[in-house]
Amino acid sequence: MSKIKEPQLFASDICGDQRGVRTLLEYLNCFGQPVDKELVVIGEASTCYLGSKHAPTDIREFSPGARVIVMLRNPIDVMYAEHSERVFGGTEHITHFEVALDAPEPRRWRSGPFKGDLVRNLSYRELTRFSEQLQRYFNVFGRENVHVIIYDDFAHNPALAYQAVVSFLRVVPHQDCDFGIVNANRRTRSRTVHDLLRYPPASVKQLARALLSQPTRHALGNRLLSLNIKQATRPMLDKEFRKRLEMEYECELQQLSRLLDRDLLSAWLHR
């Protein structure tokens, strides 16, 4: 996998110059040199590719034999989780999801190299147009080259979902896999501390370089970041608000159910 988890190179129509990687050379440098190229499969995990209108054709032009893995989740849960992640990451300042979902005001980066700039991202509803997004990949790569995972199946039996992915990619599975939960919902104890640790001033970085080795700086920074982060279960959405969203998404889920030949309406609506 790429050294940068989500380079987003092929999502220029969404992220623009706020991508982690913006040139092909930078992208290629994300991958180490395999000892035997015939025995290695390389990949990356840029989440913006699903919503990008350009990504499918750009990816195929770069790698005609690419195999695509998509994980889909209840769109209402996706929007709610994405809102929490954006608040955590500093690209959403409206902390109440119900308000943020329909707020027309622009969002700006709270910190980092793009501090104060408008956030380049899909809206919450644009993010969850799954039937349209998935159809684009089916059209470009063919259904046989797109492996779709339903999040519920993965959560229920991650080992089985893993085996299906391994089979789809035609690679040898790892024998010792840990399927523990990672990236649970997170909140910062202090946003100010969080931003300072992620993007320290130049003077602080210079002092740290003078006093500490690179491995020590990395370990200490990660430790301090982890101490400032706590796992926090998201509260349940208001029942009436969720019901309204379910009514709004019923047509979309009907289309997605037909596309995947699987009843997602019963699983994801009218709980």
C-alpha atoms as a PDB file:
ATOM      1  CA  MET A   1       0.000   0.000   0.000  1.00  0.00           C
ATOM      2  CA  SER A   2       1.110   3.595  -0.593  1.00  0.00           C
ATOM      3  CA  LYS A   3       3.095   5.343   2.139  1.00  0.00           C
ATOM      4  CA  ILE A   4       0.410   8.052   2.117  1.00  0.00           C
ATOM      5  CA  LYS A   5      -2.840   6.258   2.874  1.00  0.00           C
ATOM      6  CA  GLU A   6      -5.078   8.565   0.792  1.00  0.00           C
ATOM      7  CA  PRO A   7      -3.036  10.366  -1.904  1.00  0.00           C
ATOM      8  CA  GLN A   8      -6.241  11.369  -3.783  1.00  0.00           C
ATOM      9  CA  LEU A   9      -4.267  11.987  -7.006  1.00  0.00           C
ATOM     10  CA  PHE A  10      -7.140  11.016  -9.298  1.00  0.00           C
ATOM     11  CA  ALA A  11      -9.753  13.141  -7.462  1.00  0.00           C
ATOM     12  CA  SER A  12      -8.646  16.523  -8.801  1.00  0.00           C
ATOM     13  CA  ASP A  13     -12.255  17.497  -9.538  1.00  0.00           C
ATOM     14  CA  ILE A  14     -13.070  17.240  -5.829  1.00  0.00           C
ATOM     15  CA  CYS A  15      -9.918  18.116  -3.887  1.00  0.00           C
ATOM     16  CA  GLY A  16      -8.052  20.350  -6.357  1.00  0.00           C
ATOM     17  CA  ASP A  17      -4.739  21.551  -4.937  1.00  0.00           C
ATOM     18  CA  GLN A  18      -5.680  20.216  -1.486  1.00  0.00           C
ATOM     19  CA  ARG A  19      -4.812  16.651  -2.484  1.00  0.00           C
ATOM     20  CA  GLY A  20      -2.037  14.904  -0.597  1.00  0.00           C
ATOM     21  CA  VAL A  21      -0.320  14.138  -3.908  1.00  0.00           C
ATOM     22  CA  ARG A  22      -0.669  16.289  -7.028  1.00  0.00           C
ATOM     23  CA  THR A  23       1.801  14.963  -9.593  1.00  0.00           C
ATOM     24  CA  LEU A  24       2.396  11.556 -11.136  1.00  0.00           C
ATOM     25  CA  LEU A  25       6.015  11.551  -9.932  1.00  0.00           C
ATOM     26  CA  GLU A  26       4.914  12.203  -6.346  1.00  0.00           C
ATOM     27  CA  TYR A  27       2.363   9.438  -6.731  1.00  0.00           C
ATOM     28  CA  LEU A  28       4.865   6.885  -7.984  1.00  0.00           C
ATOM     29  CA  ASN A  29       7.170   7.790  -5.109  1.00  0.00           C
ATOM     30  CA  CYS A  30       4.433   6.725  -2.696  1.00  0.00           C
ATOM     31  CA  PHE A  31       5.207   3.109  -3.561  1.00  0.00           C
ATOM     32  CA  GLY A  32       8.416   1.309  -2.709  1.00  0.00           C
ATOM     33  CA  GLN A  33      10.387  -0.592  -5.309  1.00  0.00           C
ATOM     34  CA  PRO A  34       9.270  -4.253  -5.213  1.00  0.00           C
ATOM     35  CA  VAL A  35      11.995  -6.892  -5.285  1.00  0.00           C
ATOM     36  CA  ASP A  36      10.011  -8.851  -7.873  1.00  0.00           C
ATOM     37  CA  LYS A  37       7.345  -6.832  -9.673  1.00  0.00           C
ATOM     38  CA  GLU A  38       5.698 -10.003 -10.912  1.00  0.00           C
ATOM     39  CA  LEU A  39       4.878 -11.062  -7.350  1.00  0.00           C
ATOM     40  CA  VAL A  40       3.626  -7.759  -5.965  1.00  0.00           C
ATOM     41  CA  VAL A  41       0.234  -6.082  -6.072  1.00  0.00           C
ATOM     42  CA  ILE A  42       0.217  -2.394  -5.165  1.00  0.00           C
ATOM     43  CA  GLY A  43      -2.700  -0.300  -4.047  1.00  0.00           C
ATOM     44  CA  GLU A  44      -3.966   2.729  -2.188  1.00  0.00           C
ATOM     45  CA  ALA A  45      -7.138   3.814  -0.405  1.00  0.00           C
ATOM     46  CA  SER A  46      -8.304   7.268  -1.522  1.00  0.00           C
ATOM     47  CA  THR A  47     -11.893   7.634  -0.389  1.00  0.00           C
ATOM     48  CA  CYS A  48     -12.638  10.604  -2.677  1.00  0.00           C
ATOM     49  CA  TYR A  49     -12.320   8.409  -5.773  1.00  0.00           C
ATOM     50  CA  LEU A  50     -15.825   7.044  -5.293  1.00  0.00           C
ATOM     51  CA  GLY A  51     -17.460  10.456  -5.544  1.00  0.00           C
ATOM     52  CA  SER A  52     -15.137  11.772  -8.256  1.00  0.00           C
ATOM     53  CA  LYS A  53     -16.535  11.972 -11.782  1.00  0.00           C
ATOM     54  CA  HIS A  54     -13.027  11.958 -13.279  1.00  0.00           C
ATOM     55  CA  ALA A  55     -11.372   9.261 -11.179  1.00  0.00           C
ATOM     56  CA  PRO A  56     -12.707   6.116 -12.914  1.00  0.00           C
ATOM     57  CA  THR A  57     -11.442   7.075 -16.386  1.00  0.00           C
ATOM     58  CA  ASP A  58      -8.214   8.599 -15.037  1.00  0.00           C
ATOM     59  CA  ILE A  59      -7.448   5.477 -13.012  1.00  0.00           C
ATOM     60  CA  ARG A  60      -8.116   3.231 -15.989  1.00  0.00           C
ATOM     61  CA  GLU A  61      -5.852   5.368 -18.184  1.00  0.00           C
ATOM     62  CA  PHE A  62      -3.100   5.041 -15.578  1.00  0.00           C
ATOM     63  CA  SER A  63      -3.683   1.333 -14.911  1.00  0.00           C
ATOM     64  CA  PRO A  64      -6.031  -0.446 -17.363  1.00  0.00           C
ATOM     65  CA  GLY A  65      -5.890  -3.637 -15.313  1.00  0.00           C
ATOM     66  CA  ALA A  66      -6.769  -1.980 -12.009  1.00  0.00           C
ATOM     67  CA  ARG A  67      -9.143  -3.812  -9.689  1.00  0.00           C
ATOM     68  CA  VAL A  68     -11.453  -1.644  -7.620  1.00  0.00           C
ATOM     69  CA  ILE A  69     -12.758  -2.270  -4.113  1.00  0.00           C
ATOM     70  CA  VAL A  70     -15.712  -0.261  -2.827  1.00  0.00           C
ATOM     71  CA  MET A  71     -17.239  -0.468   0.637  1.00  0.00           C
ATOM     72  CA  LEU A  72     -20.765   0.889   1.018  1.00  0.00           C
ATOM     73  CA  ARG A  73     -22.594   1.698   4.214  1.00  0.00           C
ATOM     74  CA  ASN A  74     -26.009   3.057   5.113  1.00  0.00           C
ATOM     75  CA  PRO A  75     -25.790   6.582   3.618  1.00  0.00           C
ATOM     76  CA  ILE A  76     -27.343   8.192   6.667  1.00  0.00           C
ATOM     77  CA  ASP A  77     -24.705   6.617   8.892  1.00  0.00           C
ATOM     78  CA  VAL A  78     -22.019   7.649   6.394  1.00  0.00           C
ATOM     79  CA  MET A  79     -23.075  11.302   6.511  1.00  0.00           C
ATOM     80  CA  TYR A  80     -23.251  11.283  10.297  1.00  0.00           C
ATOM     81  CA  ALA A  81     -19.820   9.642  10.624  1.00  0.00           C
ATOM     82  CA  GLU A  82     -18.307  11.929   7.986  1.00  0.00           C
ATOM     83  CA  HIS A  83     -19.545  14.986   9.866  1.00  0.00           C
ATOM     84  CA  SER A  84     -17.835  13.757  13.026  1.00  0.00           C
ATOM     85  CA  GLU A  85     -14.595  13.108  11.119  1.00  0.00           C
ATOM     86  CA  ARG A  86     -14.658  16.562   9.496  1.00  0.00           C
ATOM     87  CA  VAL A  87     -15.135  18.237  12.875  1.00  0.00           C
ATOM     88  CA  PHE A  88     -12.230  16.187  14.193  1.00  0.00           C
ATOM     89  CA  GLY A  89     -10.045  17.002  11.180  1.00  0.00           C
ATOM     90  CA  GLY A  90     -10.723  20.733  11.184  1.00  0.00           C
ATOM     91  CA  THR A  91     -12.797  21.081   8.012  1.00  0.00           C
ATOM     92  CA  GLU A  92     -16.216  21.474   9.652  1.00  0.00           C
ATOM     93  CA  HIS A  93     -16.972  24.167  12.222  1.00  0.00           C
ATOM     94  CA  ILE A  94     -20.675  23.402  12.716  1.00  0.00           C
ATOM     95  CA  THR A  95     -20.659  20.799  15.456  1.00  0.00           C
ATOM     96  CA  HIS A  96     -24.353  19.815  15.241  1.00  0.00           C
ATOM     97  CA  PHE A  97     -24.912  17.405  12.368  1.00  0.00           C
ATOM     98  CA  GLU A  98     -28.567  18.346  11.901  1.00  0.00           C
ATOM     99  CA  VAL A  99     -27.520  21.965  11.315  1.00  0.00           C
ATOM    100  CA  ALA A 100     -24.394  21.196   9.295  1.00  0.00           C
ATOM    101  CA  LEU A 101     -26.226  18.935   6.837  1.00  0.00           C
ATOM    102  CA  ASP A 102     -28.247  21.780   5.308  1.00  0.00           C
ATOM    103  CA  ALA A 103     -26.046  24.774   6.145  1.00  0.00           C
ATOM    104  CA  PRO A 104     -25.155  26.660   2.927  1.00  0.00           C
ATOM    105  CA  GLU A 105     -22.262  28.594   4.423  1.00  0.00           C
ATOM    106  CA  PRO A 106     -18.747  27.769   3.158  1.00  0.00           C
ATOM    107  CA  ARG A 107     -16.367  25.759   5.318  1.00  0.00           C
ATOM    108  CA  ARG A 108     -12.749  26.796   5.836  1.00  0.00           C
ATOM    109  CA  TRP A 109      -9.726  24.910   7.080  1.00  0.00           C
ATOM    110  CA  ARG A 110      -9.198  25.410  10.805  1.00  0.00           C
ATOM    111  CA  SER A 111      -5.445  24.800  10.710  1.00  0.00           C
ATOM    112  CA  GLY A 112      -2.591  23.399   8.667  1.00  0.00           C
ATOM    113  CA  PRO A 113      -1.150  24.433   5.300  1.00  0.00           C
ATOM    114  CA  PHE A 114      -4.592  25.438   3.975  1.00  0.00           C
ATOM    115  CA  LYS A 115      -5.673  27.350   7.091  1.00  0.00           C
ATOM    116  CA  GLY A 116      -8.377  29.848   6.192  1.00  0.00           C
ATOM    117  CA  ASP A 117      -8.874  28.452   2.674  1.00  0.00           C
ATOM    118  CA  LEU A 118     -12.213  27.145   1.506  1.00  0.00           C
ATOM    119  CA  VAL A 119     -12.465  23.397   2.017  1.00  0.00           C
ATOM    120  CA  ARG A 120     -12.554  21.462  -1.269  1.00  0.00           C
ATOM    121  CA  ASN A 121     -14.876  18.571  -0.606  1.00  0.00           C
ATOM    122  CA  LEU A 122     -18.207  17.050  -1.551  1.00  0.00           C
ATOM    123  CA  SER A 123     -21.266  18.019   0.442  1.00  0.00           C
ATOM    124  CA  TYR A 124     -22.698  15.350   2.711  1.00  0.00           C
ATOM    125  CA  ARG A 125     -25.453  14.492   0.237  1.00  0.00           C
ATOM    126  CA  GLU A 126     -23.116  14.490  -2.775  1.00  0.00           C
ATOM    127  CA  LEU A 127     -20.917  12.065  -0.861  1.00  0.00           C
ATOM    128  CA  THR A 128     -23.699   9.486  -0.616  1.00  0.00           C
ATOM    129  CA  ARG A 129     -25.027   9.240  -4.177  1.00  0.00           C
ATOM    130  CA  PHE A 130     -23.848   5.655  -4.210  1.00  0.00           C
ATOM    131  CA  SER A 131     -25.890   4.236  -7.094  1.00  0.00           C
ATOM    132  CA  GLU A 132     -24.656   6.910  -9.491  1.00  0.00           C
ATOM    133  CA  GLN A 133     -21.066   6.640  -8.236  1.00  0.00           C
ATOM    134  CA  LEU A 134     -20.964   2.857  -8.394  1.00  0.00           C
ATOM    135  CA  GLN A 135     -22.489   2.799 -11.863  1.00  0.00           C
ATOM    136  CA  ARG A 136     -19.616   4.943 -13.143  1.00  0.00           C
ATOM    137  CA  TYR A 137     -17.092   2.339 -11.992  1.00  0.00           C
ATOM    138  CA  PHE A 138     -19.147  -0.526 -13.430  1.00  0.00           C
ATOM    139  CA  ASN A 139     -19.280   1.303 -16.770  1.00  0.00           C
ATOM    140  CA  VAL A 140     -15.521   1.979 -16.887  1.00  0.00           C
ATOM    141  CA  PHE A 141     -14.064  -1.216 -15.384  1.00  0.00           C
ATOM    142  CA  GLY A 142     -16.833  -3.772 -15.815  1.00  0.00           C
ATOM    143  CA  ARG A 143     -18.649  -5.329 -12.865  1.00  0.00           C
ATOM    144  CA  GLU A 144     -16.217  -8.230 -12.710  1.00  0.00           C
ATOM    145  CA  ASN A 145     -13.395  -5.837 -11.807  1.00  0.00           C
ATOM    146  CA  VAL A 146     -15.283  -3.975  -9.061  1.00  0.00           C
ATOM    147  CA  HIS A 147     -15.635  -5.734  -5.709  1.00  0.00           C
ATOM    148  CA  VAL A 148     -18.397  -4.259  -3.536  1.00  0.00           C
ATOM    149  CA  ILE A 149     -18.399  -4.835   0.221  1.00  0.00           C
ATOM    150  CA  ILE A 150     -21.449  -3.978   2.300  1.00  0.00           C
ATOM    151  CA  TYR A 151     -20.218  -2.564   5.599  1.00  0.00           C
ATOM    152  CA  ASP A 152     -22.743  -4.581   7.604  1.00  0.00           C
ATOM    153  CA  ASP A 153     -21.251  -7.825   6.262  1.00  0.00           C
ATOM    154  CA  PHE A 154     -17.743  -6.627   7.054  1.00  0.00           C
ATOM    155  CA  ALA A 155     -18.685  -5.630  10.613  1.00  0.00           C
ATOM    156  CA  HIS A 156     -20.460  -8.946  11.196  1.00  0.00           C
ATOM    157  CA  ASN A 157     -17.644 -11.138   9.881  1.00  0.00           C
ATOM    158  CA  PRO A 158     -14.464  -9.231   8.963  1.00  0.00           C
ATOM    159  CA  ALA A 159     -12.483 -12.435   8.403  1.00  0.00           C
ATOM    160  CA  LEU A 160     -14.916 -13.591   5.720  1.00  0.00           C
ATOM    161  CA  ALA A 161     -14.913 -10.154   4.069  1.00  0.00           C
ATOM    162  CA  TYR A 162     -11.110 -10.213   4.106  1.00  0.00           C
ATOM    163  CA  GLN A 163     -10.991 -13.611   2.438  1.00  0.00           C
ATOM    164  CA  ALA A 164     -13.320 -12.354  -0.302  1.00  0.00           C
ATOM    165  CA  VAL A 165     -11.023  -9.390  -0.960  1.00  0.00           C
ATOM    166  CA  VAL A 166      -7.945 -11.613  -1.043  1.00  0.00           C
ATOM    167  CA  SER A 167      -9.658 -13.874  -3.556  1.00  0.00           C
ATOM    168  CA  PHE A 168     -10.750 -10.905  -5.694  1.00  0.00           C
ATOM    169  CA  LEU A 169      -7.189  -9.523  -5.761  1.00  0.00           C
ATOM    170  CA  ARG A 170      -5.691 -12.992  -6.328  1.00  0.00           C
ATOM    171  CA  VAL A 171      -3.104 -12.530  -3.602  1.00  0.00           C
ATOM    172  CA  VAL A 172      -1.851 -14.716  -0.776  1.00  0.00           C
ATOM    173  CA  PRO A 173      -3.580 -13.910   2.546  1.00  0.00           C
ATOM    174  CA  HIS A 174      -1.678 -13.045   5.695  1.00  0.00           C
ATOM    175  CA  GLN A 175      -1.867 -15.832   8.233  1.00  0.00           C
ATOM    176  CA  ASP A 176      -1.912 -13.608  11.331  1.00  0.00           C
ATOM    177  CA  CYS A 177      -4.595 -10.968  10.898  1.00  0.00           C
ATOM    178  CA  ASP A 178      -5.959  -8.819  13.694  1.00  0.00           C
ATOM    179  CA  PHE A 179      -9.554  -7.833  13.033  1.00  0.00           C
ATOM    180  CA  GLY A 180      -9.871  -5.544  16.038  1.00  0.00           C
ATOM    181  CA  ILE A 181     -11.736  -2.265  15.656  1.00  0.00           C
ATOM    182  CA  VAL A 182      -9.601   0.649  14.489  1.00  0.00           C
ATOM    183  CA  ASN A 183     -10.495   4.272  13.807  1.00  0.00           C
ATOM    184  CA  ALA A 184     -13.462   4.288  16.145  1.00  0.00           C
ATOM    185  CA  ASN A 185     -15.252   7.622  16.460  1.00  0.00           C
ATOM    186  CA  ARG A 186     -12.790  10.147  17.896  1.00  0.00           C
ATOM    187  CA  ARG A 187     -12.935  13.509  19.592  1.00  0.00           C
ATOM    188  CA  THR A 188     -10.174  15.817  20.726  1.00  0.00           C
ATOM    189  CA  ARG A 189      -9.814  16.874  24.315  1.00  0.00           C
ATOM    190  CA  SER A 190      -8.444  20.205  23.080  1.00  0.00           C
ATOM    191  CA  ARG A 191      -8.689  21.390  19.470  1.00  0.00           C
ATOM    192  CA  THR A 192      -5.931  23.930  20.056  1.00  0.00           C
ATOM    193  CA  VAL A 193      -3.534  21.260  21.297  1.00  0.00           C
ATOM    194  CA  HIS A 194      -4.575  18.946  18.481  1.00  0.00           C
ATOM    195  CA  ASP A 195      -3.837  21.580  15.832  1.00  0.00           C
ATOM    196  CA  LEU A 196      -0.494  22.518  17.412  1.00  0.00           C
ATOM    197  CA  LEU A 197       0.630  18.886  17.498  1.00  0.00           C
ATOM    198  CA  ARG A 198      -0.407  18.239  13.913  1.00  0.00           C
ATOM    199  CA  TYR A 199       0.996  21.512  12.562  1.00  0.00           C
ATOM    200  CA  PRO A 200       3.624  22.838  15.006  1.00  0.00           C
ATOM    201  CA  PRO A 201       5.215  26.255  14.357  1.00  0.00           C
ATOM    202  CA  ALA A 202       8.502  26.274  12.459  1.00  0.00           C
ATOM    203  CA  SER A 203      10.426  27.312  15.576  1.00  0.00           C
ATOM    204  CA  VAL A 204       9.127  24.308  17.509  1.00  0.00           C
ATOM    205  CA  LYS A 205       9.989  21.921  14.673  1.00  0.00           C
ATOM    206  CA  GLN A 206      13.485  23.389  14.440  1.00  0.00           C
ATOM    207  CA  LEU A 207      14.053  22.976  18.171  1.00  0.00           C
ATOM    208  CA  ALA A 208      12.749  19.401  18.106  1.00  0.00           C
ATOM    209  CA  ARG A 209      15.099  18.531  15.242  1.00  0.00           C
ATOM    210  CA  ALA A 210      18.021  19.908  17.214  1.00  0.00           C
ATOM    211  CA  LEU A 211      17.195  17.957  20.375  1.00  0.00           C
ATOM    212  CA  LEU A 212      15.598  14.716  19.210  1.00  0.00           C
ATOM    213  CA  SER A 213      16.216  12.072  16.589  1.00  0.00           C
ATOM    214  CA  GLN A 214      13.613  11.577  13.874  1.00  0.00           C
ATOM    215  CA  PRO A 215      12.266   8.278  15.336  1.00  0.00           C
ATOM    216  CA  THR A 216      11.995   9.888  18.776  1.00  0.00           C
ATOM    217  CA  ARG A 217      10.200  12.951  17.371  1.00  0.00           C
ATOM    218  CA  HIS A 218       7.776  10.716  15.505  1.00  0.00           C
ATOM    219  CA  ALA A 219       7.071   8.487  18.524  1.00  0.00           C
ATOM    220  CA  LEU A 220       6.677  11.442  20.900  1.00  0.00           C
ATOM    221  CA  GLY A 221       4.382  13.311  18.528  1.00  0.00           C
ATOM    222  CA  ASN A 222       2.150  10.275  18.063  1.00  0.00           C
ATOM    223  CA  ARG A 223       2.055   9.677  21.809  1.00  0.00           C
ATOM    224  CA  LEU A 224       1.037  13.260  22.561  1.00  0.00           C
ATOM    225  CA  LEU A 225      -1.598  13.170  19.825  1.00  0.00           C
ATOM    226  CA  SER A 226      -3.070   9.961  21.212  1.00  0.00           C
ATOM    227  CA  LEU A 227      -3.247  11.420  24.727  1.00  0.00           C
ATOM    228  CA  ASN A 228      -5.277  14.333  23.387  1.00  0.00           C
ATOM    229  CA  ILE A 229      -7.743  12.044  21.611  1.00  0.00           C
ATOM    230  CA  LYS A 230     -10.562  10.119  23.200  1.00  0.00           C
ATOM    231  CA  GLN A 231     -12.956   7.614  21.738  1.00  0.00           C
ATOM    232  CA  ALA A 232     -16.542   8.769  22.017  1.00  0.00           C
ATOM    233  CA  THR A 233     -19.646   6.971  20.837  1.00  0.00           C
ATOM    234  CA  ARG A 234     -21.792   9.167  18.629  1.00  0.00           C
ATOM    235  CA  PRO A 235     -25.208   9.784  20.176  1.00  0.00           C
ATOM    236  CA  MET A 236     -28.231   8.373  18.380  1.00  0.00           C
ATOM    237  CA  LEU A 237     -29.762  10.663  15.799  1.00  0.00           C
ATOM    238  CA  ASP A 238     -33.080  12.207  16.682  1.00  0.00           C
ATOM    239  CA  LYS A 239     -35.732   9.695  15.580  1.00  0.00           C
ATOM    240  CA  GLU A 240     -37.806  12.202  13.641  1.00  0.00           C
ATOM    241  CA  PHE A 241     -34.752  13.630  11.908  1.00  0.00           C
ATOM    242  CA  ARG A 242     -33.582  10.160  10.930  1.00  0.00           C
ATOM    243  CA  LYS A 243     -37.031   9.267   9.663  1.00  0.00           C
ATOM    244  CA  ARG A 244     -36.988  12.337   7.422  1.00  0.00           C
ATOM    245  CA  LEU A 245     -33.609  11.328   6.010  1.00  0.00           C
ATOM    246  CA  GLU A 246     -34.825   7.765   5.444  1.00  0.00           C
ATOM    247  CA  MET A 247     -37.754   9.073   3.410  1.00  0.00           C
ATOM    248  CA  GLU A 248     -35.367  11.255   1.421  1.00  0.00           C
ATOM    249  CA  TYR A 249     -33.033   8.334   0.653  1.00  0.00           C
ATOM    250  CA  GLU A 250     -35.650   5.694  -0.128  1.00  0.00           C
ATOM    251  CA  CYS A 251     -35.453   6.239  -3.900  1.00  0.00           C
ATOM    252  CA  GLU A 252     -31.636   6.176  -3.857  1.00  0.00           C
ATOM    253  CA  LEU A 253     -31.618   2.896  -1.960  1.00  0.00           C
ATOM    254  CA  GLN A 254     -34.120   1.384  -4.359  1.00  0.00           C
ATOM    255  CA  GLN A 255     -31.748   2.185  -7.217  1.00  0.00           C
ATOM    256  CA  LEU A 256     -28.755   0.834  -5.317  1.00  0.00           C
ATOM    257  CA  SER A 257     -30.650  -2.353  -4.434  1.00  0.00           C
ATOM    258  CA  ARG A 258     -31.431  -2.959  -8.105  1.00  0.00           C
ATOM    259  CA  LEU A 259     -27.833  -2.251  -9.106  1.00  0.00           C
ATOM    260  CA  LEU A 260     -26.442  -4.755  -6.585  1.00  0.00           C
ATOM    261  CA  ASP A 261     -29.361  -7.183  -6.766  1.00  0.00           C
ATOM    262  CA  ARG A 262     -29.664  -7.019  -2.998  1.00  0.00           C
ATOM    263  CA  ASP A 263     -32.421  -5.667  -0.757  1.00  0.00           C
ATOM    264  CA  LEU A 264     -30.830  -2.764   1.096  1.00  0.00           C
ATOM    265  CA  LEU A 265     -34.131  -1.056   1.847  1.00  0.00           C
ATOM    266  CA  SER A 266     -35.085  -3.633   4.460  1.00  0.00           C
ATOM    267  CA  ALA A 267     -31.597  -3.557   5.977  1.00  0.00           C
ATOM    268  CA  TRP A 268     -31.076   0.201   6.091  1.00  0.00           C
ATOM    269  CA  LEU A 269     -34.508   1.821   6.384  1.00  0.00           C
ATOM    270  CA  HIS A 270     -37.590   1.611   8.629  1.00  0.00           C
ATOM    271  CA  ARG A 271     -35.666   0.481  11.684  1.00  0.00           C
END
